[in-house]
Amino acid sequence: MAKPSDTLLMAQDFELLQSCIAGNSQAQFRFYERYSAKLYGVCLRYARDESEANDLLQEGFIKIFRELSAYRAEGSLEAWMHKIMVNTALSRLRKKSLKFLPYVEAPENLYSDEDIIGAISAAELITVLNRLPQGYRTVLNLYAIEGYSHAEIAAMLDISEGTSRSQYLRAKIALKNRLEQLKKINDQ
């Protein structure tokens, strides 16, 4: 690994990385402690529950430690690890034969001025997101949160761009419907 610029990696992080690459288990533990909480959030977005998220986190860190010597410090270390976690989650989803539904047109009332998300707690929102079908949730994560284009998502998941767009649309419709139901319950 080339010595990074000061703006990308501090000297102490560089030394920690070098120790991890050399196989120092204490350094790897410190590295894990430093980054696991942020990367666990990524895993939670793709997993059905905390147990699966923990499995993804462990699998992702194994890949990170295996590939750490390939990190060239040309970009953010966290972004590099984030990408590995997303790819680990997508790999697992592909093994599960992720299913996608055909294209559907957007209803006119999909977007409303009412702030439905603001009316519920973060825990309720996470519960609603976790109950979305896996295909919907995966495309929603990749497009709305990770920032990938539908063309990129199509290539990652081996689906058409139309299917990616449709899954995203269906996710928004399902999310809106479930959030409206939850808001009604909370308003009572």
N, C-alpha and C. Protein backbone atom coordinates (compact mmCIF):
# COMPACT_ATOMS: atom_id res chain seq x y z
N MET A 1 0.85 -1.17 0.00
CA MET A 1 0.00 0.00 0.00
C MET A 1 0.89 1.23 0.00
N ALA A 2 0.62 2.13 -0.91
CA ALA A 2 1.37 3.38 -0.98
C ALA A 2 1.04 4.26 0.22
N LYS A 3 2.01 5.04 0.66
CA LYS A 3 1.76 5.95 1.78
C LYS A 3 0.74 6.99 1.32
N PRO A 4 -0.37 7.13 2.06
CA PRO A 4 -1.43 8.04 1.64
C PRO A 4 -1.09 9.50 1.92
N SER A 5 -1.85 10.37 1.27
CA SER A 5 -1.68 11.79 1.56
C SER A 5 -2.27 12.08 2.94
N ASP A 6 -1.84 13.17 3.55
CA ASP A 6 -2.32 13.52 4.89
C ASP A 6 -3.81 13.76 4.92
N THR A 7 -4.40 14.20 3.82
CA THR A 7 -5.83 14.50 3.82
C THR A 7 -6.67 13.24 3.83
N LEU A 8 -6.16 12.14 3.37
CA LEU A 8 -6.94 10.92 3.29
C LEU A 8 -6.81 10.03 4.52
N LEU A 9 -5.63 9.95 5.07
CA LEU A 9 -5.38 9.04 6.17
C LEU A 9 -4.34 9.65 7.10
N MET A 10 -4.67 9.69 8.35
CA MET A 10 -3.72 10.23 9.32
C MET A 10 -2.61 9.20 9.54
N ALA A 11 -1.48 9.65 10.04
CA ALA A 11 -0.32 8.77 10.24
C ALA A 11 -0.67 7.60 11.15
N GLN A 12 -1.45 7.84 12.21
CA GLN A 12 -1.80 6.75 13.12
C GLN A 12 -2.67 5.70 12.42
N ASP A 13 -3.55 6.16 11.53
CA ASP A 13 -4.36 5.21 10.77
C ASP A 13 -3.50 4.41 9.80
N PHE A 14 -2.52 5.07 9.20
CA PHE A 14 -1.61 4.39 8.29
C PHE A 14 -0.85 3.29 9.02
N GLU A 15 -0.36 3.61 10.22
CA GLU A 15 0.36 2.61 11.02
C GLU A 15 -0.56 1.46 11.42
N LEU A 16 -1.80 1.78 11.78
CA LEU A 16 -2.77 0.74 12.12
C LEU A 16 -3.03 -0.16 10.92
N LEU A 17 -3.20 0.43 9.75
CA LEU A 17 -3.41 -0.35 8.53
C LEU A 17 -2.22 -1.27 8.25
N GLN A 18 -1.02 -0.74 8.39
CA GLN A 18 0.17 -1.55 8.15
C GLN A 18 0.23 -2.74 9.12
N SER A 19 -0.12 -2.50 10.38
CA SER A 19 -0.13 -3.58 11.37
C SER A 19 -1.19 -4.62 11.03
N CYS A 20 -2.35 -4.16 10.56
CA CYS A 20 -3.42 -5.09 10.16
C CYS A 20 -2.97 -5.94 8.98
N ILE A 21 -2.35 -5.31 8.00
CA ILE A 21 -1.86 -6.02 6.82
C ILE A 21 -0.82 -7.06 7.22
N ALA A 22 -0.01 -6.72 8.22
CA ALA A 22 1.02 -7.65 8.71
C ALA A 22 0.42 -8.80 9.52
N GLY A 23 -0.89 -8.74 9.77
CA GLY A 23 -1.55 -9.84 10.48
C GLY A 23 -1.58 -9.68 11.99
N ASN A 24 -1.31 -8.50 12.51
CA ASN A 24 -1.33 -8.25 13.95
C ASN A 24 -2.78 -8.28 14.43
N SER A 25 -3.13 -9.28 15.22
CA SER A 25 -4.52 -9.46 15.65
C SER A 25 -5.02 -8.34 16.56
N GLN A 26 -4.13 -7.78 17.37
CA GLN A 26 -4.54 -6.65 18.23
C GLN A 26 -4.88 -5.43 17.38
N ALA A 27 -4.09 -5.19 16.35
CA ALA A 27 -4.36 -4.07 15.45
C ALA A 27 -5.68 -4.31 14.69
N GLN A 28 -5.90 -5.54 14.27
CA GLN A 28 -7.15 -5.86 13.58
C GLN A 28 -8.35 -5.65 14.49
N PHE A 29 -8.21 -5.99 15.75
CA PHE A 29 -9.30 -5.77 16.71
C PHE A 29 -9.56 -4.27 16.88
N ARG A 30 -8.50 -3.48 17.01
CA ARG A 30 -8.67 -2.02 17.14
C ARG A 30 -9.31 -1.45 15.88
N PHE A 31 -8.90 -1.94 14.72
CA PHE A 31 -9.46 -1.50 13.45
C PHE A 31 -10.95 -1.83 13.40
N TYR A 32 -11.28 -3.06 13.80
CA TYR A 32 -12.68 -3.49 13.83
C TYR A 32 -13.49 -2.59 14.78
N GLU A 33 -12.96 -2.34 15.96
CA GLU A 33 -13.67 -1.48 16.92
C GLU A 33 -13.88 -0.07 16.37
N ARG A 34 -12.92 0.42 15.64
CA ARG A 34 -13.01 1.78 15.11
C ARG A 34 -14.08 1.91 14.03
N TYR A 35 -14.25 0.91 13.20
CA TYR A 35 -15.12 1.04 12.03
C TYR A 35 -16.38 0.19 12.05
N SER A 36 -16.49 -0.73 12.96
CA SER A 36 -17.62 -1.67 12.91
C SER A 36 -18.98 -1.01 13.09
N ALA A 37 -19.11 -0.02 13.95
CA ALA A 37 -20.41 0.59 14.19
C ALA A 37 -20.97 1.24 12.92
N LYS A 38 -20.12 1.97 12.20
CA LYS A 38 -20.57 2.62 10.97
C LYS A 38 -20.94 1.57 9.91
N LEU A 39 -20.13 0.55 9.80
CA LEU A 39 -20.38 -0.46 8.77
C LEU A 39 -21.56 -1.36 9.14
N TYR A 40 -21.83 -1.50 10.43
CA TYR A 40 -22.99 -2.28 10.87
C TYR A 40 -24.29 -1.64 10.35
N GLY A 41 -24.31 -0.31 10.32
CA GLY A 41 -25.48 0.39 9.77
C GLY A 41 -25.74 0.02 8.32
N VAL A 42 -24.68 -0.11 7.55
CA VAL A 42 -24.81 -0.54 6.15
C VAL A 42 -25.41 -1.94 6.11
N CYS A 43 -24.89 -2.82 6.92
CA CYS A 43 -25.37 -4.21 6.94
C CYS A 43 -26.84 -4.29 7.34
N LEU A 44 -27.25 -3.48 8.29
CA LEU A 44 -28.65 -3.48 8.73
C LEU A 44 -29.61 -3.13 7.60
N ARG A 45 -29.18 -2.26 6.70
CA ARG A 45 -30.07 -1.86 5.60
C ARG A 45 -30.35 -3.00 4.63
N TYR A 46 -29.46 -3.96 4.55
CA TYR A 46 -29.63 -5.06 3.61
C TYR A 46 -30.08 -6.35 4.28
N ALA A 47 -29.94 -6.44 5.58
CA ALA A 47 -30.28 -7.66 6.32
C ALA A 47 -31.72 -7.63 6.78
N ARG A 48 -32.26 -8.80 7.02
CA ARG A 48 -33.63 -8.92 7.53
C ARG A 48 -33.70 -8.65 9.03
N ASP A 49 -32.62 -8.94 9.74
CA ASP A 49 -32.63 -8.76 11.19
C ASP A 49 -31.20 -8.54 11.68
N GLU A 50 -31.07 -8.33 12.97
CA GLU A 50 -29.75 -8.03 13.55
C GLU A 50 -28.79 -9.20 13.42
N SER A 51 -29.30 -10.40 13.53
CA SER A 51 -28.44 -11.58 13.41
C SER A 51 -27.81 -11.66 12.02
N GLU A 52 -28.64 -11.45 11.01
CA GLU A 52 -28.13 -11.47 9.64
C GLU A 52 -27.17 -10.30 9.41
N ALA A 53 -27.47 -9.15 10.00
CA ALA A 53 -26.58 -7.99 9.86
C ALA A 53 -25.21 -8.29 10.49
N ASN A 54 -25.21 -8.95 11.65
CA ASN A 54 -23.95 -9.32 12.29
C ASN A 54 -23.16 -10.29 11.43
N ASP A 55 -23.85 -11.24 10.81
CA ASP A 55 -23.18 -12.18 9.90
C ASP A 55 -22.55 -11.44 8.73
N LEU A 56 -23.31 -10.49 8.15
CA LEU A 56 -22.78 -9.70 7.03
C LEU A 56 -21.57 -8.88 7.46
N LEU A 57 -21.64 -8.31 8.65
CA LEU A 57 -20.53 -7.51 9.16
C LEU A 57 -19.27 -8.36 9.29
N GLN A 58 -19.42 -9.54 9.86
CA GLN A 58 -18.25 -10.42 10.03
C GLN A 58 -17.70 -10.85 8.67
N GLU A 59 -18.59 -11.24 7.78
CA GLU A 59 -18.15 -11.65 6.44
C GLU A 59 -17.46 -10.49 5.71
N GLY A 60 -18.03 -9.29 5.85
CA GLY A 60 -17.44 -8.11 5.22
C GLY A 60 -16.07 -7.79 5.78
N PHE A 61 -15.91 -7.90 7.11
CA PHE A 61 -14.60 -7.62 7.69
C PHE A 61 -13.56 -8.66 7.29
N ILE A 62 -13.97 -9.88 7.11
CA ILE A 62 -13.04 -10.90 6.62
C ILE A 62 -12.52 -10.47 5.24
N LYS A 63 -13.44 -10.00 4.39
CA LYS A 63 -13.03 -9.54 3.05
C LYS A 63 -12.15 -8.30 3.15
N ILE A 64 -12.51 -7.39 4.05
CA ILE A 64 -11.71 -6.17 4.21
C ILE A 64 -10.29 -6.53 4.62
N PHE A 65 -10.14 -7.40 5.62
CA PHE A 65 -8.79 -7.77 6.06
C PHE A 65 -8.03 -8.51 4.96
N ARG A 66 -8.74 -9.32 4.19
CA ARG A 66 -8.10 -10.05 3.10
C ARG A 66 -7.62 -9.09 2.00
N GLU A 67 -8.38 -8.02 1.75
CA GLU A 67 -8.08 -7.10 0.66
C GLU A 67 -7.39 -5.80 1.10
N LEU A 68 -7.14 -5.66 2.39
CA LEU A 68 -6.59 -4.41 2.92
C LEU A 68 -5.29 -3.99 2.23
N SER A 69 -4.49 -4.93 1.86
CA SER A 69 -3.23 -4.58 1.19
C SER A 69 -3.47 -4.00 -0.20
N ALA A 70 -4.66 -4.21 -0.76
CA ALA A 70 -4.99 -3.67 -2.07
C ALA A 70 -5.50 -2.23 -2.00
N TYR A 71 -5.83 -1.76 -0.79
CA TYR A 71 -6.29 -0.38 -0.63
C TYR A 71 -5.14 0.57 -0.98
N ARG A 72 -5.38 1.48 -1.90
CA ARG A 72 -4.32 2.35 -2.41
C ARG A 72 -4.37 3.76 -1.84
N ALA A 73 -5.27 4.04 -0.92
CA ALA A 73 -5.39 5.36 -0.29
C ALA A 73 -5.62 6.46 -1.31
N GLU A 74 -6.28 6.11 -2.40
CA GLU A 74 -6.61 7.11 -3.42
C GLU A 74 -7.99 7.72 -3.15
N GLY A 75 -8.66 7.20 -2.17
CA GLY A 75 -9.98 7.68 -1.77
C GLY A 75 -10.17 7.37 -0.30
N SER A 76 -11.32 7.68 0.19
CA SER A 76 -11.63 7.46 1.59
C SER A 76 -11.60 5.98 1.95
N LEU A 77 -10.93 5.66 3.04
CA LEU A 77 -10.90 4.28 3.53
C LEU A 77 -12.31 3.82 3.89
N GLU A 78 -13.07 4.70 4.54
CA GLU A 78 -14.44 4.34 4.91
C GLU A 78 -15.29 4.05 3.69
N ALA A 79 -15.14 4.84 2.63
CA ALA A 79 -15.91 4.61 1.40
C ALA A 79 -15.51 3.27 0.78
N TRP A 80 -14.23 2.96 0.80
CA TRP A 80 -13.74 1.69 0.27
C TRP A 80 -14.34 0.52 1.05
N MET A 81 -14.35 0.63 2.38
CA MET A 81 -14.91 -0.44 3.21
C MET A 81 -16.43 -0.51 3.04
N HIS A 82 -17.07 0.63 2.92
CA HIS A 82 -18.52 0.69 2.69
C HIS A 82 -18.89 -0.09 1.43
N LYS A 83 -18.12 0.12 0.39
CA LYS A 83 -18.38 -0.57 -0.88
C LYS A 83 -18.23 -2.09 -0.72
N ILE A 84 -17.24 -2.50 0.04
CA ILE A 84 -17.05 -3.93 0.30
C ILE A 84 -18.25 -4.49 1.05
N MET A 85 -18.77 -3.75 2.02
CA MET A 85 -19.94 -4.22 2.79
C MET A 85 -21.16 -4.32 1.88
N VAL A 86 -21.38 -3.34 1.03
CA VAL A 86 -22.52 -3.38 0.10
C VAL A 86 -22.37 -4.57 -0.82
N ASN A 87 -21.18 -4.77 -1.37
CA ASN A 87 -20.97 -5.90 -2.28
C ASN A 87 -21.12 -7.24 -1.56
N THR A 88 -20.73 -7.30 -0.31
CA THR A 88 -20.92 -8.53 0.49
C THR A 88 -22.41 -8.80 0.65
N ALA A 89 -23.18 -7.78 0.96
CA ALA A 89 -24.62 -7.94 1.12
C ALA A 89 -25.27 -8.36 -0.21
N LEU A 90 -24.87 -7.73 -1.30
CA LEU A 90 -25.44 -8.08 -2.61
C LEU A 90 -25.07 -9.50 -3.00
N SER A 91 -23.86 -9.91 -2.70
CA SER A 91 -23.45 -11.28 -2.99
C SER A 91 -24.32 -12.28 -2.26
N ARG A 92 -24.59 -11.99 -1.00
CA ARG A 92 -25.46 -12.88 -0.22
C ARG A 92 -26.88 -12.90 -0.79
N LEU A 93 -27.38 -11.74 -1.20
CA LEU A 93 -28.72 -11.66 -1.77
C LEU A 93 -28.81 -12.45 -3.08
N ARG A 94 -27.75 -12.37 -3.89
CA ARG A 94 -27.75 -13.12 -5.15
C ARG A 94 -27.81 -14.62 -4.89
N LYS A 95 -27.13 -15.07 -3.84
CA LYS A 95 -27.14 -16.49 -3.49
C LYS A 95 -28.53 -16.94 -3.06
N LYS A 96 -29.33 -16.01 -2.53
CA LYS A 96 -30.68 -16.32 -2.10
C LYS A 96 -31.68 -16.26 -3.25
N SER A 97 -31.20 -16.03 -4.47
CA SER A 97 -32.07 -15.91 -5.63
C SER A 97 -33.12 -14.82 -5.42
N LEU A 98 -32.66 -13.62 -5.25
CA LEU A 98 -33.51 -12.47 -5.05
C LEU A 98 -34.53 -12.36 -6.18
N LYS A 99 -35.79 -12.17 -5.85
CA LYS A 99 -36.86 -12.12 -6.84
C LYS A 99 -37.31 -10.67 -7.05
N PHE A 100 -37.61 -10.36 -8.31
CA PHE A 100 -38.07 -9.03 -8.67
C PHE A 100 -39.38 -9.13 -9.41
N LEU A 101 -40.27 -8.17 -9.18
CA LEU A 101 -41.57 -8.14 -9.83
C LEU A 101 -41.49 -7.30 -11.10
N PRO A 102 -42.42 -7.52 -12.06
CA PRO A 102 -42.39 -6.75 -13.31
C PRO A 102 -42.73 -5.27 -13.09
N TYR A 103 -42.51 -4.48 -14.13
CA TYR A 103 -42.70 -3.04 -14.09
C TYR A 103 -44.14 -2.67 -13.75
N VAL A 104 -44.31 -1.56 -13.03
CA VAL A 104 -45.63 -1.04 -12.70
C VAL A 104 -45.58 0.49 -12.84
N GLU A 105 -46.68 1.09 -13.30
CA GLU A 105 -46.77 2.55 -13.43
C GLU A 105 -46.98 3.19 -12.06
N ALA A 106 -46.49 4.40 -11.90
CA ALA A 106 -46.64 5.13 -10.63
C ALA A 106 -48.03 5.73 -10.54
N PRO A 107 -48.70 5.55 -9.39
CA PRO A 107 -49.99 6.22 -9.20
C PRO A 107 -49.76 7.72 -9.03
N GLU A 108 -50.76 8.52 -9.39
CA GLU A 108 -50.61 9.97 -9.32
C GLU A 108 -50.43 10.48 -7.90
N ASN A 109 -50.98 9.80 -6.93
CA ASN A 109 -50.93 10.28 -5.54
C ASN A 109 -49.74 9.73 -4.76
N LEU A 110 -48.72 9.29 -5.44
CA LEU A 110 -47.56 8.72 -4.76
C LEU A 110 -46.87 9.75 -3.88
N TYR A 111 -46.83 10.98 -4.36
CA TYR A 111 -46.14 12.02 -3.61
C TYR A 111 -47.19 12.90 -2.94
N SER A 112 -47.07 13.08 -1.65
CA SER A 112 -47.99 13.97 -0.94
C SER A 112 -47.19 14.99 -0.16
N ASP A 113 -47.84 16.07 0.20
CA ASP A 113 -47.17 17.13 0.95
C ASP A 113 -47.03 16.77 2.41
N GLU A 114 -47.81 15.80 2.86
CA GLU A 114 -47.80 15.43 4.27
C GLU A 114 -46.49 14.75 4.65
N ASP A 115 -45.93 15.14 5.78
CA ASP A 115 -44.67 14.56 6.24
C ASP A 115 -44.96 13.30 7.05
N ILE A 116 -45.12 12.19 6.36
CA ILE A 116 -45.46 10.93 7.02
C ILE A 116 -44.29 10.44 7.86
N ILE A 117 -43.10 10.53 7.32
CA ILE A 117 -41.93 10.01 8.03
C ILE A 117 -41.70 10.78 9.33
N GLY A 118 -41.96 12.08 9.32
CA GLY A 118 -41.78 12.88 10.53
C GLY A 118 -42.77 12.53 11.63
N ALA A 119 -43.83 11.81 11.29
CA ALA A 119 -44.87 11.48 12.26
C ALA A 119 -44.60 10.19 13.02
N ILE A 120 -43.52 9.48 12.66
CA ILE A 120 -43.22 8.21 13.34
C ILE A 120 -41.79 8.24 13.87
N SER A 121 -41.49 7.30 14.74
CA SER A 121 -40.14 7.24 15.32
C SER A 121 -39.16 6.56 14.36
N ALA A 122 -37.89 6.75 14.62
CA ALA A 122 -36.85 6.11 13.81
C ALA A 122 -36.97 4.59 13.89
N ALA A 123 -37.26 4.08 15.08
CA ALA A 123 -37.40 2.62 15.25
C ALA A 123 -38.56 2.08 14.43
N GLU A 124 -39.66 2.84 14.38
CA GLU A 124 -40.81 2.41 13.58
C GLU A 124 -40.47 2.43 12.10
N LEU A 125 -39.72 3.44 11.67
CA LEU A 125 -39.31 3.53 10.27
C LEU A 125 -38.42 2.35 9.89
N ILE A 126 -37.48 2.01 10.74
CA ILE A 126 -36.59 0.87 10.46
C ILE A 126 -37.40 -0.42 10.38
N THR A 127 -38.37 -0.58 11.27
CA THR A 127 -39.23 -1.77 11.24
C THR A 127 -39.99 -1.85 9.92
N VAL A 128 -40.55 -0.71 9.48
CA VAL A 128 -41.28 -0.68 8.21
C VAL A 128 -40.36 -1.01 7.05
N LEU A 129 -39.17 -0.42 7.03
CA LEU A 129 -38.22 -0.71 5.96
C LEU A 129 -37.83 -2.19 5.93
N ASN A 130 -37.61 -2.78 7.10
CA ASN A 130 -37.22 -4.19 7.17
C ASN A 130 -38.32 -5.13 6.73
N ARG A 131 -39.55 -4.66 6.74
CA ARG A 131 -40.68 -5.51 6.32
C ARG A 131 -40.96 -5.41 4.82
N LEU A 132 -40.27 -4.52 4.13
CA LEU A 132 -40.43 -4.46 2.67
C LEU A 132 -39.86 -5.74 2.07
N PRO A 133 -40.42 -6.20 0.95
CA PRO A 133 -39.82 -7.36 0.27
C PRO A 133 -38.36 -7.06 -0.05
N GLN A 134 -37.53 -8.09 -0.01
CA GLN A 134 -36.09 -7.92 -0.16
C GLN A 134 -35.70 -7.21 -1.45
N GLY A 135 -36.36 -7.52 -2.56
CA GLY A 135 -36.04 -6.86 -3.83
C GLY A 135 -36.30 -5.37 -3.77
N TYR A 136 -37.44 -4.99 -3.20
CA TYR A 136 -37.77 -3.58 -3.05
C TYR A 136 -36.71 -2.87 -2.21
N ARG A 137 -36.43 -3.47 -1.05
CA ARG A 137 -35.51 -2.86 -0.09
C ARG A 137 -34.11 -2.73 -0.68
N THR A 138 -33.69 -3.73 -1.42
CA THR A 138 -32.35 -3.71 -2.00
C THR A 138 -32.21 -2.57 -3.00
N VAL A 139 -33.16 -2.45 -3.91
CA VAL A 139 -33.09 -1.38 -4.91
C VAL A 139 -33.26 -0.02 -4.24
N LEU A 140 -34.15 0.09 -3.27
CA LEU A 140 -34.33 1.34 -2.53
C LEU A 140 -33.01 1.76 -1.87
N ASN A 141 -32.35 0.83 -1.22
CA ASN A 141 -31.05 1.12 -0.60
C ASN A 141 -30.02 1.57 -1.62
N LEU A 142 -29.91 0.81 -2.70
CA LEU A 142 -28.88 1.12 -3.70
C LEU A 142 -29.13 2.45 -4.39
N TYR A 143 -30.38 2.75 -4.68
CA TYR A 143 -30.70 3.98 -5.42
C TYR A 143 -30.79 5.20 -4.51
N ALA A 144 -31.64 5.11 -3.49
CA ALA A 144 -31.93 6.28 -2.65
C ALA A 144 -30.86 6.56 -1.60
N ILE A 145 -30.20 5.53 -1.12
CA ILE A 145 -29.24 5.73 -0.03
C ILE A 145 -27.81 5.67 -0.54
N GLU A 146 -27.49 4.65 -1.32
CA GLU A 146 -26.11 4.50 -1.82
C GLU A 146 -25.81 5.42 -3.00
N GLY A 147 -26.86 5.83 -3.73
CA GLY A 147 -26.67 6.77 -4.83
C GLY A 147 -26.32 6.17 -6.17
N TYR A 148 -26.53 4.87 -6.33
CA TYR A 148 -26.26 4.24 -7.62
C TYR A 148 -27.37 4.57 -8.61
N SER A 149 -27.04 4.59 -9.89
CA SER A 149 -28.04 4.81 -10.94
C SER A 149 -28.77 3.49 -11.20
N HIS A 150 -29.89 3.58 -11.88
CA HIS A 150 -30.61 2.35 -12.21
C HIS A 150 -29.79 1.46 -13.15
N ALA A 151 -28.99 2.08 -14.01
CA ALA A 151 -28.12 1.29 -14.90
C ALA A 151 -27.09 0.52 -14.07
N GLU A 152 -26.50 1.17 -13.07
CA GLU A 152 -25.52 0.50 -12.22
C GLU A 152 -26.18 -0.61 -11.40
N ILE A 153 -27.37 -0.33 -10.88
CA ILE A 153 -28.09 -1.33 -10.09
C ILE A 153 -28.43 -2.54 -10.95
N ALA A 154 -28.87 -2.27 -12.18
CA ALA A 154 -29.20 -3.35 -13.10
C ALA A 154 -27.99 -4.26 -13.32
N ALA A 155 -26.82 -3.66 -13.51
CA ALA A 155 -25.61 -4.45 -13.71
C ALA A 155 -25.23 -5.23 -12.45
N MET A 156 -25.37 -4.60 -11.29
CA MET A 156 -25.00 -5.26 -10.03
C MET A 156 -25.89 -6.47 -9.74
N LEU A 157 -27.18 -6.32 -10.03
CA LEU A 157 -28.15 -7.36 -9.67
C LEU A 157 -28.54 -8.26 -10.83
N ASP A 158 -27.94 -8.00 -11.99
CA ASP A 158 -28.24 -8.77 -13.20
C ASP A 158 -29.73 -8.74 -13.52
N ILE A 159 -30.27 -7.51 -13.55
CA ILE A 159 -31.66 -7.27 -13.92
C ILE A 159 -31.67 -6.14 -14.94
N SER A 160 -32.83 -5.85 -15.53
CA SER A 160 -32.92 -4.75 -16.48
C SER A 160 -33.07 -3.43 -15.73
N GLU A 161 -32.78 -2.34 -16.41
CA GLU A 161 -32.98 -1.02 -15.81
C GLU A 161 -34.44 -0.81 -15.47
N GLY A 162 -35.33 -1.28 -16.33
CA GLY A 162 -36.77 -1.16 -16.08
C GLY A 162 -37.18 -1.88 -14.81
N THR A 163 -36.59 -3.04 -14.57
CA THR A 163 -36.90 -3.78 -13.34
C THR A 163 -36.39 -3.01 -12.13
N SER A 164 -35.21 -2.42 -12.24
CA SER A 164 -34.68 -1.62 -11.14
C SER A 164 -35.61 -0.45 -10.86
N ARG A 165 -36.02 0.26 -11.89
CA ARG A 165 -36.93 1.40 -11.71
C ARG A 165 -38.25 0.94 -11.10
N SER A 166 -38.76 -0.17 -11.58
CA SER A 166 -40.02 -0.70 -11.08
C SER A 166 -39.92 -1.10 -9.61
N GLN A 167 -38.82 -1.76 -9.24
CA GLN A 167 -38.64 -2.16 -7.84
C GLN A 167 -38.56 -0.94 -6.93
N TYR A 168 -37.89 0.11 -7.42
CA TYR A 168 -37.78 1.34 -6.65
C TYR A 168 -39.16 1.98 -6.48
N LEU A 169 -39.91 2.03 -7.56
CA LEU A 169 -41.26 2.59 -7.51
C LEU A 169 -42.16 1.78 -6.57
N ARG A 170 -42.12 0.47 -6.70
CA ARG A 170 -42.92 -0.39 -5.82
C ARG A 170 -42.50 -0.23 -4.36
N ALA A 171 -41.22 -0.05 -4.12
CA ALA A 171 -40.74 0.16 -2.75
C ALA A 171 -41.31 1.45 -2.19
N LYS A 172 -41.30 2.50 -3.00
CA LYS A 172 -41.85 3.78 -2.52
C LYS A 172 -43.35 3.66 -2.24
N ILE A 173 -44.07 2.97 -3.11
CA ILE A 173 -45.51 2.80 -2.91
C ILE A 173 -45.78 2.00 -1.63
N ALA A 174 -45.08 0.89 -1.49
CA ALA A 174 -45.26 0.05 -0.30
C ALA A 174 -44.87 0.80 0.97
N LEU A 175 -43.77 1.53 0.91
CA LEU A 175 -43.31 2.29 2.06
C LEU A 175 -44.33 3.36 2.42
N LYS A 176 -44.83 4.08 1.44
CA LYS A 176 -45.83 5.12 1.69
C LYS A 176 -47.08 4.52 2.32
N ASN A 177 -47.57 3.42 1.78
CA ASN A 177 -48.77 2.78 2.31
C ASN A 177 -48.58 2.33 3.75
N ARG A 178 -47.45 1.71 4.03
CA ARG A 178 -47.20 1.21 5.39
C ARG A 178 -47.00 2.36 6.38
N LEU A 179 -46.34 3.42 5.92
CA LEU A 179 -46.15 4.58 6.80
C LEU A 179 -47.48 5.27 7.10
N GLU A 180 -48.35 5.35 6.08
CA GLU A 180 -49.68 5.94 6.30
C GLU A 180 -50.48 5.12 7.31
N GLN A 181 -50.40 3.80 7.20
CA GLN A 181 -51.11 2.92 8.15
C GLN A 181 -50.56 3.14 9.57
N LEU A 182 -49.25 3.20 9.69
CA LEU A 182 -48.63 3.39 10.99
C LEU A 182 -48.99 4.75 11.57
N LYS A 183 -49.02 5.78 10.75
CA LYS A 183 -49.39 7.12 11.22
C LYS A 183 -50.82 7.12 11.74
N LYS A 184 -51.73 6.45 11.03
CA LYS A 184 -53.12 6.38 11.48
C LYS A 184 -53.21 5.70 12.86
N ILE A 185 -52.46 4.65 13.01
CA ILE A 185 -52.45 3.94 14.30
C ILE A 185 -51.92 4.85 15.39
N ASN A 186 -50.84 5.57 15.11
CA ASN A 186 -50.24 6.47 16.10
C ASN A 186 -51.14 7.66 16.42
N ASP A 187 -51.95 8.10 15.45
CA ASP A 187 -52.84 9.24 15.65
C ASP A 187 -54.05 8.88 16.51
N GLN A 188 -54.34 7.60 16.64
CA GLN A 188 -55.52 7.18 17.40
C GLN A 188 -55.32 7.26 18.88
